[in-house]
């Protein structure tokens, strides 16, 4: 049974920023896009770079290793829509961001 897991306080992830987290044993990248939170798999499809350490511009994150880019709202590559990383459900409750990995 899948459930939401508390990841971070809303105040600790300001707009325009991302972070890495382990959620139920899965590597997750969590982003704040203008006050809306989004979670995707943390491993870039190219060489496994840490997307949570990437630069976020709007809703696009750039992998810090080789500059591959993904839309954090969908997990889709911005260059090749056939490439994707997992996208996870997110909710905000009690001033915390919660992520469901399945």
PDB file of N, CA and C in Angstrom:
ATOM      1  N   UNK A   1       0.835  -1.180   0.000  1.00  0.00           N
ATOM      2  CA  UNK A   1       0.000   0.000   0.000  1.00  0.00           C
ATOM      3  C   UNK A   1       0.880   1.244   0.000  1.00  0.00           C
ATOM      4  N   UNK A   2       0.606   2.159  -0.927  1.00  0.00           N
ATOM      5  CA  UNK A   2       1.419   3.371  -0.990  1.00  0.00           C
ATOM      6  C   UNK A   2       0.807   4.445  -0.112  1.00  0.00           C
ATOM      7  N   UNK A   3       1.665   5.279   0.421  1.00  0.00           N
ATOM      8  CA  UNK A   3       1.219   6.348   1.300  1.00  0.00           C
ATOM      9  C   UNK A   3       2.133   7.542   1.124  1.00  0.00           C
ATOM     10  N   UNK A   4       1.677   8.686   1.598  1.00  0.00           N
ATOM     11  CA  UNK A   4       2.490   9.900   1.552  1.00  0.00           C
ATOM     12  C   UNK A   4       3.485   9.890   2.710  1.00  0.00           C
ATOM     13  N   UNK A   5       4.677  10.440   2.436  1.00  0.00           N
ATOM     14  CA  UNK A   5       5.742  10.542   3.435  1.00  0.00           C
ATOM     15  C   UNK A   5       6.138  12.010   3.588  1.00  0.00           C
ATOM     16  N   UNK A   6       6.275  12.451   4.833  1.00  0.00           N
ATOM     17  CA  UNK A   6       6.697  13.826   5.100  1.00  0.00           C
ATOM     18  C   UNK A   6       8.156  13.982   4.684  1.00  0.00           C
ATOM     19  N   UNK A   7       8.426  15.028   3.884  1.00  0.00           N
ATOM     20  CA  UNK A   7       9.780  15.219   3.361  1.00  0.00           C
ATOM     21  C   UNK A   7      10.459  16.456   3.933  1.00  0.00           C
ATOM     22  N   UNK A   8       9.776  17.592   3.893  1.00  0.00           N
ATOM     23  CA  UNK A   8      10.428  18.839   4.295  1.00  0.00           C
ATOM     24  C   UNK A   8       9.358  19.863   4.687  1.00  0.00           C
ATOM     25  N   UNK A   9       9.739  20.793   5.557  1.00  0.00           N
ATOM     26  CA  UNK A   9       8.856  21.908   5.875  1.00  0.00           C
ATOM     27  C   UNK A   9       8.771  22.837   4.667  1.00  0.00           C
ATOM     28  N   UNK A  10       7.584  23.358   4.407  1.00  0.00           N
ATOM     29  CA  UNK A  10       7.389  24.273   3.276  1.00  0.00           C
ATOM     30  C   UNK A  10       8.393  25.419   3.339  1.00  0.00           C
ATOM     31  N   UNK A  11       8.633  25.970   4.516  1.00  0.00           N
ATOM     32  CA  UNK A  11       9.545  27.108   4.683  1.00  0.00           C
ATOM     33  C   UNK A  11      10.990  26.772   4.346  1.00  0.00           C
ATOM     34  N   UNK A  12      11.346  25.488   4.337  1.00  0.00           N
ATOM     35  CA  UNK A  12      12.734  25.088   4.079  1.00  0.00           C
ATOM     36  C   UNK A  12      13.047  24.858   2.604  1.00  0.00           C
ATOM     37  N   UNK A  13      12.039  25.021   1.729  1.00  0.00           N
ATOM     38  CA  UNK A  13      12.274  24.874   0.292  1.00  0.00           C
ATOM     39  C   UNK A  13      11.623  26.061  -0.418  1.00  0.00           C
ATOM     40  N   UNK A  14      12.382  27.169  -0.543  1.00  0.00           N
ATOM     41  CA  UNK A  14      11.810  28.387  -1.122  1.00  0.00           C
ATOM     42  C   UNK A  14      11.550  28.253  -2.628  1.00  0.00           C
ATOM     43  N   UNK A  15      10.705  29.115  -3.172  1.00  0.00           N
ATOM     44  CA  UNK A  15      10.433  29.086  -4.610  1.00  0.00           C
ATOM     45  C   UNK A  15      11.718  29.190  -5.438  1.00  0.00           C
ATOM     46  N   UNK A  16      11.738  28.442  -6.539  1.00  0.00           N
ATOM     47  CA  UNK A  16      12.902  28.451  -7.427  1.00  0.00           C
ATOM     48  C   UNK A  16      14.033  27.544  -6.992  1.00  0.00           C
ATOM     49  N   UNK A  17      13.798  26.728  -5.993  1.00  0.00           N
ATOM     50  CA  UNK A  17      14.844  25.857  -5.456  1.00  0.00           C
ATOM     51  C   UNK A  17      14.429  24.395  -5.538  1.00  0.00           C
ATOM     52  N   UNK A  18      15.431  23.525  -5.472  1.00  0.00           N
ATOM     53  CA  UNK A  18      15.209  22.094  -5.446  1.00  0.00           C
ATOM     54  C   UNK A  18      16.048  21.460  -4.356  1.00  0.00           C
ATOM     55  N   UNK A  19      15.770  20.201  -4.094  1.00  0.00           N
ATOM     56  CA  UNK A  19      16.540  19.476  -3.089  1.00  0.00           C
ATOM     57  C   UNK A  19      16.461  17.979  -3.380  1.00  0.00           C
ATOM     58  N   UNK A  20      17.364  17.240  -2.788  1.00  0.00           N
ATOM     59  CA  UNK A  20      17.358  15.786  -2.874  1.00  0.00           C
ATOM     60  C   UNK A  20      16.772  15.213  -1.596  1.00  0.00           C
ATOM     61  N   UNK A  21      16.086  14.090  -1.733  1.00  0.00           N
ATOM     62  CA  UNK A  21      15.536  13.404  -0.565  1.00  0.00           C
ATOM     63  C   UNK A  21      15.447  11.919  -0.860  1.00  0.00           C
ATOM     64  N   UNK A  22      15.403  11.137   0.195  1.00  0.00           N
ATOM     65  CA  UNK A  22      15.118   9.718   0.073  1.00  0.00           C
ATOM     66  C   UNK A  22      13.716   9.521   0.644  1.00  0.00           C
ATOM     67  N   UNK A  23      12.820   9.017  -0.192  1.00  0.00           N
ATOM     68  CA  UNK A  23      11.434   8.832   0.217  1.00  0.00           C
ATOM     69  C   UNK A  23      11.095   7.358   0.074  1.00  0.00           C
ATOM     70  N   UNK A  24      10.867   6.696   1.181  1.00  0.00           N
ATOM     71  CA  UNK A  24      10.590   5.255   1.196  1.00  0.00           C
ATOM     72  C   UNK A  24      11.673   4.496   0.430  1.00  0.00           C
ATOM     73  N   UNK A  25      12.920   4.927   0.592  1.00  0.00           N
ATOM     74  CA  UNK A  25      14.053   4.264  -0.034  1.00  0.00           C
ATOM     75  C   UNK A  25      14.308   4.649  -1.482  1.00  0.00           C
ATOM     76  N   UNK A  26      13.528   5.568  -2.024  1.00  0.00           N
ATOM     77  CA  UNK A  26      13.709   5.993  -3.416  1.00  0.00           C
ATOM     78  C   UNK A  26      14.389   7.361  -3.469  1.00  0.00           C
ATOM     79  N   UNK A  27      15.323   7.555  -4.407  1.00  0.00           N
ATOM     80  CA  UNK A  27      15.943   8.870  -4.572  1.00  0.00           C
ATOM     81  C   UNK A  27      14.978   9.812  -5.298  1.00  0.00           C
ATOM     82  N   UNK A  28      14.623  10.905  -4.634  1.00  0.00           N
ATOM     83  CA  UNK A  28      13.632  11.845  -5.153  1.00  0.00           C
ATOM     84  C   UNK A  28      14.244  13.242  -5.205  1.00  0.00           C
ATOM     85  N   UNK A  29      13.887  13.984  -6.257  1.00  0.00           N
ATOM     86  CA  UNK A  29      14.221  15.405  -6.360  1.00  0.00           C
ATOM     87  C   UNK A  29      12.921  16.172  -6.169  1.00  0.00           C
ATOM     88  N   UNK A  30      12.933  17.114  -5.245  1.00  0.00           N
ATOM     89  CA  UNK A  30      11.738  17.889  -4.898  1.00  0.00           C
ATOM     90  C   UNK A  30      12.000  19.346  -5.260  1.00  0.00           C
ATOM     91  N   UNK A  31      11.017  19.996  -5.898  1.00  0.00           N
ATOM     92  CA  UNK A  31      11.183  21.362  -6.380  1.00  0.00           C
ATOM     93  C   UNK A  31      10.003  22.231  -5.985  1.00  0.00           C
ATOM     94  N   UNK A  32      10.298  23.529  -5.763  1.00  0.00           N
ATOM     95  CA  UNK A  32       9.283  24.525  -5.508  1.00  0.00           C
ATOM     96  C   UNK A  32       9.249  25.454  -6.720  1.00  0.00           C
ATOM     97  N   UNK A  33       8.185  25.345  -7.501  1.00  0.00           N
ATOM     98  CA  UNK A  33       8.013  26.172  -8.693  1.00  0.00           C
ATOM     99  C   UNK A  33       6.939  27.205  -8.371  1.00  0.00           C
ATOM    100  N   UNK A  34       7.368  28.384  -7.973  1.00  0.00           N
ATOM    101  CA  UNK A  34       6.430  29.462  -7.672  1.00  0.00           C
ATOM    102  C   UNK A  34       5.416  29.133  -6.599  1.00  0.00           C
ATOM    103  N   UNK A  35       5.800  28.345  -5.611  1.00  0.00           N
ATOM    104  CA  UNK A  35       4.906  27.973  -4.525  1.00  0.00           C
ATOM    105  C   UNK A  35       4.180  26.656  -4.744  1.00  0.00           C
ATOM    106  N   UNK A  36       4.385  26.036  -5.901  1.00  0.00           N
ATOM    107  CA  UNK A  36       3.806  24.725  -6.202  1.00  0.00           C
ATOM    108  C   UNK A  36       4.927  23.689  -6.139  1.00  0.00           C
ATOM    109  N   UNK A  37       4.710  22.625  -5.401  1.00  0.00           N
ATOM    110  CA  UNK A  37       5.758  21.632  -5.184  1.00  0.00           C
ATOM    111  C   UNK A  37       5.596  20.446  -6.142  1.00  0.00           C
ATOM    112  N   UNK A  38       6.740  19.954  -6.639  1.00  0.00           N
ATOM    113  CA  UNK A  38       6.763  18.851  -7.598  1.00  0.00           C
ATOM    114  C   UNK A  38       7.902  17.905  -7.238  1.00  0.00           C
ATOM    115  N   UNK A  39       7.668  16.605  -7.433  1.00  0.00           N
ATOM    116  CA  UNK A  39       8.681  15.590  -7.128  1.00  0.00           C
ATOM    117  C   UNK A  39       8.864  14.675  -8.332  1.00  0.00           C
ATOM    118  N   UNK A  40      10.135  14.434  -8.653  1.00  0.00           N
ATOM    119  CA  UNK A  40      10.505  13.513  -9.726  1.00  0.00           C
ATOM    120  C   UNK A  40      11.640  12.621  -9.222  1.00  0.00           C
ATOM    121  N   UNK A  41      11.955  11.593  -9.985  1.00  0.00           N
ATOM    122  CA  UNK A  41      13.112  10.773  -9.649  1.00  0.00           C
ATOM    123  C   UNK A  41      14.365  11.627  -9.658  1.00  0.00           C
ATOM    124  N   UNK A  42      15.267  11.365  -8.754  1.00  0.00           N
ATOM    125  CA  UNK A  42      16.472  12.187  -8.624  1.00  0.00           C
ATOM    126  C   UNK A  42      17.564  11.823  -9.612  1.00  0.00           C
ATOM    127  N   UNK A  43      17.452  10.687 -10.299  1.00  0.00           N
ATOM    128  CA  UNK A  43      18.536  10.229 -11.161  1.00  0.00           C
ATOM    129  C   UNK A  43      18.265  10.553 -12.620  1.00  0.00           C
ATOM    130  N   UNK A  44      19.124  11.378 -13.202  1.00  0.00           N
ATOM    131  CA  UNK A  44      19.016  11.737 -14.615  1.00  0.00           C
ATOM    132  C   UNK A  44      19.106  10.479 -15.477  1.00  0.00           C
ATOM    133  N   UNK A  45      18.298  10.426 -16.515  1.00  0.00           N
ATOM    134  CA  UNK A  45      18.274   9.274 -17.408  1.00  0.00           C
ATOM    135  C   UNK A  45      19.539   9.096 -18.227  1.00  0.00           C
ATOM    136  N   UNK A  46      20.389  10.103 -18.278  1.00  0.00           N
ATOM    137  CA  UNK A  46      21.619  10.014 -19.068  1.00  0.00           C
ATOM    138  C   UNK A  46      22.694   9.208 -18.348  1.00  0.00           C
ATOM    139  N   UNK A  47      23.158   9.697 -17.232  1.00  0.00           N
ATOM    140  CA  UNK A  47      24.223   9.028 -16.482  1.00  0.00           C
ATOM    141  C   UNK A  47      23.972   9.006 -14.986  1.00  0.00           C
ATOM    142  N   UNK A  48      22.724   9.238 -14.587  1.00  0.00           N
ATOM    143  CA  UNK A  48      22.394   9.143 -13.168  1.00  0.00           C
ATOM    144  C   UNK A  48      22.746  10.352 -12.340  1.00  0.00           C
ATOM    145  N   UNK A  49      22.923  11.499 -12.984  1.00  0.00           N
ATOM    146  CA  UNK A  49      23.244  12.719 -12.251  1.00  0.00           C
ATOM    147  C   UNK A  49      22.138  13.103 -11.281  1.00  0.00           C
ATOM    148  N   UNK A  50      22.480  13.830 -10.209  1.00  0.00           N
ATOM    149  CA  UNK A  50      21.523  14.196  -9.158  1.00  0.00           C
ATOM    150  C   UNK A  50      20.670  15.404  -9.556  1.00  0.00           C
ATOM    151  N   UNK A  51      19.470  15.173 -10.045  1.00  0.00           N
ATOM    152  CA  UNK A  51      18.611  16.264 -10.507  1.00  0.00           C
ATOM    153  C   UNK A  51      18.270  17.249  -9.398  1.00  0.00           C
ATOM    154  N   UNK A  52      18.195  16.779  -8.173  1.00  0.00           N
ATOM    155  CA  UNK A  52      17.911  17.668  -7.050  1.00  0.00           C
ATOM    156  C   UNK A  52      18.989  18.701  -6.804  1.00  0.00           C
ATOM    157  N   UNK A  53      20.166  18.511  -7.399  1.00  0.00           N
ATOM    158  CA  UNK A  53      21.251  19.488  -7.301  1.00  0.00           C
ATOM    159  C   UNK A  53      21.309  20.390  -8.525  1.00  0.00           C
ATOM    160  N   UNK A  54      20.393  20.164  -9.469  1.00  0.00           N
ATOM    161  CA  UNK A  54      20.402  20.922 -10.719  1.00  0.00           C
ATOM    162  C   UNK A  54      19.846  22.325 -10.563  1.00  0.00           C
ATOM    163  N   UNK A  55      20.030  23.106 -11.622  1.00  0.00           N
ATOM    164  CA  UNK A  55      19.534  24.474 -11.674  1.00  0.00           C
ATOM    165  C   UNK A  55      18.090  24.439 -12.167  1.00  0.00           C
ATOM    166  N   UNK A  56      17.205  25.112 -11.421  1.00  0.00           N
ATOM    167  CA  UNK A  56      15.788  25.170 -11.770  1.00  0.00           C
ATOM    168  C   UNK A  56      15.497  26.523 -12.395  1.00  0.00           C
ATOM    169  N   UNK A  57      14.956  26.501 -13.623  1.00  0.00           N
ATOM    170  CA  UNK A  57      14.506  27.724 -14.301  1.00  0.00           C
ATOM    171  C   UNK A  57      13.060  27.503 -14.698  1.00  0.00           C
ATOM    172  N   UNK A  58      12.162  28.241 -14.064  1.00  0.00           N
ATOM    173  CA  UNK A  58      10.741  27.992 -14.280  1.00  0.00           C
ATOM    174  C   UNK A  58      10.413  26.603 -13.774  1.00  0.00           C
ATOM    175  N   UNK A  59       9.878  25.760 -14.659  1.00  0.00           N
ATOM    176  CA  UNK A  59       9.583  24.371 -14.268  1.00  0.00           C
ATOM    177  C   UNK A  59      10.558  23.387 -14.895  1.00  0.00           C
ATOM    178  N   UNK A  60      11.709  23.873 -15.359  1.00  0.00           N
ATOM    179  CA  UNK A  60      12.715  23.023 -15.991  1.00  0.00           C
ATOM    180  C   UNK A  60      13.955  22.928 -15.112  1.00  0.00           C
ATOM    181  N   UNK A  61      14.405  21.690 -14.881  1.00  0.00           N
ATOM    182  CA  UNK A  61      15.641  21.490 -14.132  1.00  0.00           C
ATOM    183  C   UNK A  61      16.712  20.985 -15.093  1.00  0.00           C
ATOM    184  N   UNK A  62      17.939  21.492 -14.906  1.00  0.00           N
ATOM    185  CA  UNK A  62      19.078  21.058 -15.706  1.00  0.00           C
ATOM    186  C   UNK A  62      19.996  20.202 -14.849  1.00  0.00           C
ATOM    187  N   UNK A  63      20.258  18.983 -15.295  1.00  0.00           N
ATOM    188  CA  UNK A  63      21.157  18.090 -14.577  1.00  0.00           C
ATOM    189  C   UNK A  63      22.530  18.747 -14.446  1.00  0.00           C
ATOM    190  N   UNK A  64      23.116  18.735 -13.251  1.00  0.00           N
ATOM    191  CA  UNK A  64      24.409  19.382 -13.056  1.00  0.00           C
ATOM    192  C   UNK A  64      25.580  18.647 -13.719  1.00  0.00           C
ATOM    193  N   UNK A  65      25.385  17.407 -14.134  1.00  0.00           N
ATOM    194  CA  UNK A  65      26.494  16.665 -14.720  1.00  0.00           C
ATOM    195  C   UNK A  65      26.659  16.921 -16.216  1.00  0.00           C
ATOM    196  N   UNK A  66      25.594  16.810 -17.001  1.00  0.00           N
ATOM    197  CA  UNK A  66      25.731  16.906 -18.459  1.00  0.00           C
ATOM    198  C   UNK A  66      24.661  17.766 -19.114  1.00  0.00           C
ATOM    199  N   UNK A  67      23.952  18.577 -18.318  1.00  0.00           N
ATOM    200  CA  UNK A  67      23.004  19.585 -18.806  1.00  0.00           C
ATOM    201  C   UNK A  67      21.757  19.024 -19.484  1.00  0.00           C
ATOM    202  N   UNK A  68      21.399  17.779 -19.215  1.00  0.00           N
ATOM    203  CA  UNK A  68      20.113  17.278 -19.704  1.00  0.00           C
ATOM    204  C   UNK A  68      19.024  17.999 -18.927  1.00  0.00           C
ATOM    205  N   UNK A  69      17.889  18.270 -19.567  1.00  0.00           N
ATOM    206  CA  UNK A  69      16.836  19.044 -18.919  1.00  0.00           C
ATOM    207  C   UNK A  69      15.515  18.270 -18.879  1.00  0.00           C
ATOM    208  N   UNK A  70      14.772  18.505 -17.791  1.00  0.00           N
ATOM    209  CA  UNK A  70      13.498  17.827 -17.562  1.00  0.00           C
ATOM    210  C   UNK A  70      12.473  18.827 -17.041  1.00  0.00           C
ATOM    211  N   UNK A  71      11.219  18.619 -17.409  1.00  0.00           N
ATOM    212  CA  UNK A  71      10.115  19.376 -16.849  1.00  0.00           C
ATOM    213  C   UNK A  71       9.757  18.722 -15.520  1.00  0.00           C
ATOM    214  N   UNK A  72       9.884  19.458 -14.427  1.00  0.00           N
ATOM    215  CA  UNK A  72       9.664  18.858 -13.111  1.00  0.00           C
ATOM    216  C   UNK A  72       8.189  18.593 -12.833  1.00  0.00           C
ATOM    217  N   UNK A  73       7.289  19.153 -13.636  1.00  0.00           N
ATOM    218  CA  UNK A  73       5.858  18.912 -13.431  1.00  0.00           C
ATOM    219  C   UNK A  73       5.405  17.599 -14.057  1.00  0.00           C
ATOM    220  N   UNK A  74       6.180  17.095 -15.030  1.00  0.00           N
ATOM    221  CA  UNK A  74       5.797  15.868 -15.735  1.00  0.00           C
ATOM    222  C   UNK A  74       6.848  14.771 -15.672  1.00  0.00           C
ATOM    223  N   UNK A  75       8.106  15.142 -15.457  1.00  0.00           N
ATOM    224  CA  UNK A  75       9.210  14.185 -15.509  1.00  0.00           C
ATOM    225  C   UNK A  75       9.731  13.963 -16.923  1.00  0.00           C
ATOM    226  N   UNK A  76       9.133  14.629 -17.908  1.00  0.00           N
ATOM    227  CA  UNK A  76       9.536  14.438 -19.303  1.00  0.00           C
ATOM    228  C   UNK A  76      10.779  15.251 -19.646  1.00  0.00           C
ATOM    229  N   UNK A  77      11.634  14.678 -20.485  1.00  0.00           N
ATOM    230  CA  UNK A  77      12.774  15.411 -21.023  1.00  0.00           C
ATOM    231  C   UNK A  77      12.240  16.562 -21.870  1.00  0.00           C
ATOM    232  N   UNK A  78      12.881  17.711 -21.783  1.00  0.00           N
ATOM    233  CA  UNK A  78      12.447  18.851 -22.594  1.00  0.00           C
ATOM    234  C   UNK A  78      12.978  18.766 -24.018  1.00  0.00           C
ATOM    235  N   UNK A  79      13.909  17.855 -24.266  1.00  0.00           N
ATOM    236  CA  UNK A  79      14.489  17.687 -25.596  1.00  0.00           C
ATOM    237  C   UNK A  79      13.852  16.514 -26.327  1.00  0.00           C
ATOM    238  N   UNK A  80      13.637  15.420 -25.621  1.00  0.00           N
ATOM    239  CA  UNK A  80      13.073  14.215 -26.222  1.00  0.00           C
ATOM    240  C   UNK A  80      11.937  13.707 -25.330  1.00  0.00           C
ATOM    241  N   UNK A  81      10.681  13.957 -25.707  1.00  0.00           N
ATOM    242  CA  UNK A  81       9.556  13.570 -24.843  1.00  0.00           C
ATOM    243  C   UNK A  81       9.384  12.060 -24.669  1.00  0.00           C
ATOM    244  N   UNK A  82      10.187  11.271 -25.349  1.00  0.00           N
ATOM    245  CA  UNK A  82      10.147   9.822 -25.128  1.00  0.00           C
ATOM    246  C   UNK A  82      10.978   9.427 -23.908  1.00  0.00           C
ATOM    247  N   UNK A  83      11.794  10.359 -23.417  1.00  0.00           N
ATOM    248  CA  UNK A  83      12.613  10.120 -22.227  1.00  0.00           C
ATOM    249  C   UNK A  83      11.931  10.758 -21.029  1.00  0.00           C
ATOM    250  N   UNK A  84      11.937  10.048 -19.919  1.00  0.00           N
ATOM    251  CA  UNK A  84      11.312  10.585 -18.715  1.00  0.00           C
ATOM    252  C   UNK A  84      11.968  10.004 -17.479  1.00  0.00           C
ATOM    253  N   UNK A  85      11.792  10.711 -16.381  1.00  0.00           N
ATOM    254  CA  UNK A  85      12.121  10.203 -15.052  1.00  0.00           C
ATOM    255  C   UNK A  85      10.780  10.063 -14.322  1.00  0.00           C
ATOM    256  N   UNK A  86      10.725   9.245 -13.288  1.00  0.00           N
ATOM    257  CA  UNK A  86       9.447   9.084 -12.571  1.00  0.00           C
ATOM    258  C   UNK A  86       8.952  10.411 -11.996  1.00  0.00           C
ATOM    259  N   UNK A  87       7.635  10.564 -11.957  1.00  0.00           N
ATOM    260  CA  UNK A  87       7.004  11.716 -11.326  1.00  0.00           C
ATOM    261  C   UNK A  87       6.162  11.191 -10.165  1.00  0.00           C
ATOM    262  N   UNK A  88       6.211  11.893  -9.044  1.00  0.00           N
ATOM    263  CA  UNK A  88       5.509  11.431  -7.853  1.00  0.00           C
ATOM    264  C   UNK A  88       4.470  12.454  -7.404  1.00  0.00           C
ATOM    265  N   UNK A  89       3.393  11.962  -6.798  1.00  0.00           N
ATOM    266  CA  UNK A  89       2.351  12.831  -6.252  1.00  0.00           C
ATOM    267  C   UNK A  89       2.892  13.567  -5.035  1.00  0.00           C
ATOM    268  N   UNK A  90       2.460  14.819  -4.905  1.00  0.00           N
ATOM    269  CA  UNK A  90       2.897  15.688  -3.810  1.00  0.00           C
ATOM    270  C   UNK A  90       1.672  16.358  -3.208  1.00  0.00           C
ATOM    271  N   UNK A  91       1.704  16.554  -1.894  1.00  0.00           N
ATOM    272  CA  UNK A  91       0.677  17.355  -1.232  1.00  0.00           C
ATOM    273  C   UNK A  91       1.342  18.189  -0.147  1.00  0.00           C
ATOM    274  N   UNK A  92       0.693  19.278   0.201  1.00  0.00           N
ATOM    275  CA  UNK A  92       1.144  20.122   1.304  1.00  0.00           C
ATOM    276  C   UNK A  92       0.094  20.013   2.393  1.00  0.00           C
ATOM    277  N   UNK A  93       0.567  19.672   3.585  1.00  0.00           N
ATOM    278  CA  UNK A  93      -0.330  19.494   4.728  1.00  0.00           C
ATOM    279  C   UNK A  93       0.443  19.833   5.994  1.00  0.00           C
ATOM    280  N   UNK A  94      -0.179  20.573   6.887  1.00  0.00           N
ATOM    281  CA  UNK A  94       0.457  20.949   8.162  1.00  0.00           C
ATOM    282  C   UNK A  94       1.805  21.631   7.956  1.00  0.00           C
ATOM    283  N   UNK A  95       1.886  22.512   6.944  1.00  0.00           N
ATOM    284  CA  UNK A  95       3.110  23.272   6.636  1.00  0.00           C
ATOM    285  C   UNK A  95       4.290  22.388   6.248  1.00  0.00           C
ATOM    286  N   UNK A  96       4.010  21.184   5.758  1.00  0.00           N
ATOM    287  CA  UNK A  96       5.059  20.281   5.280  1.00  0.00           C
ATOM    288  C   UNK A  96       4.705  19.762   3.888  1.00  0.00           C
ATOM    289  N   UNK A  97       5.736  19.386   3.156  1.00  0.00           N
ATOM    290  CA  UNK A  97       5.565  18.794   1.837  1.00  0.00           C
ATOM    291  C   UNK A  97       5.638  17.280   2.004  1.00  0.00           C
ATOM    292  N   UNK A  98       4.655  16.601   1.454  1.00  0.00           N
ATOM    293  CA  UNK A  98       4.552  15.142   1.536  1.00  0.00           C
ATOM    294  C   UNK A  98       4.629  14.561   0.126  1.00  0.00           C
ATOM    295  N   UNK A  99       5.330  13.426  -0.037  1.00  0.00           N
ATOM    296  CA  UNK A  99       5.502  12.802  -1.337  1.00  0.00           C
ATOM    297  C   UNK A  99       5.067  11.335  -1.267  1.00  0.00           C
ATOM    298  N   UNK A 100       4.364  10.914  -2.305  1.00  0.00           N
ATOM    299  CA  UNK A 100       3.915   9.523  -2.431  1.00  0.00           C
ATOM    300  C   UNK A 100       4.698   8.913  -3.591  1.00  0.00           C
ATOM    301  N   UNK A 101       5.460   7.869  -3.328  1.00  0.00           N
ATOM    302  CA  UNK A 101       6.360   7.322  -4.338  1.00  0.00           C
ATOM    303  C   UNK A 101       5.763   6.210  -5.182  1.00  0.00           C
ATOM    304  N   UNK A 102       4.534   5.782  -4.912  1.00  0.00           N
ATOM    305  CA  UNK A 102       3.910   4.757  -5.762  1.00  0.00           C
ATOM    306  C   UNK A 102       2.474   5.101  -6.024  1.00  0.00           C
TER     307      UNK A 102
END
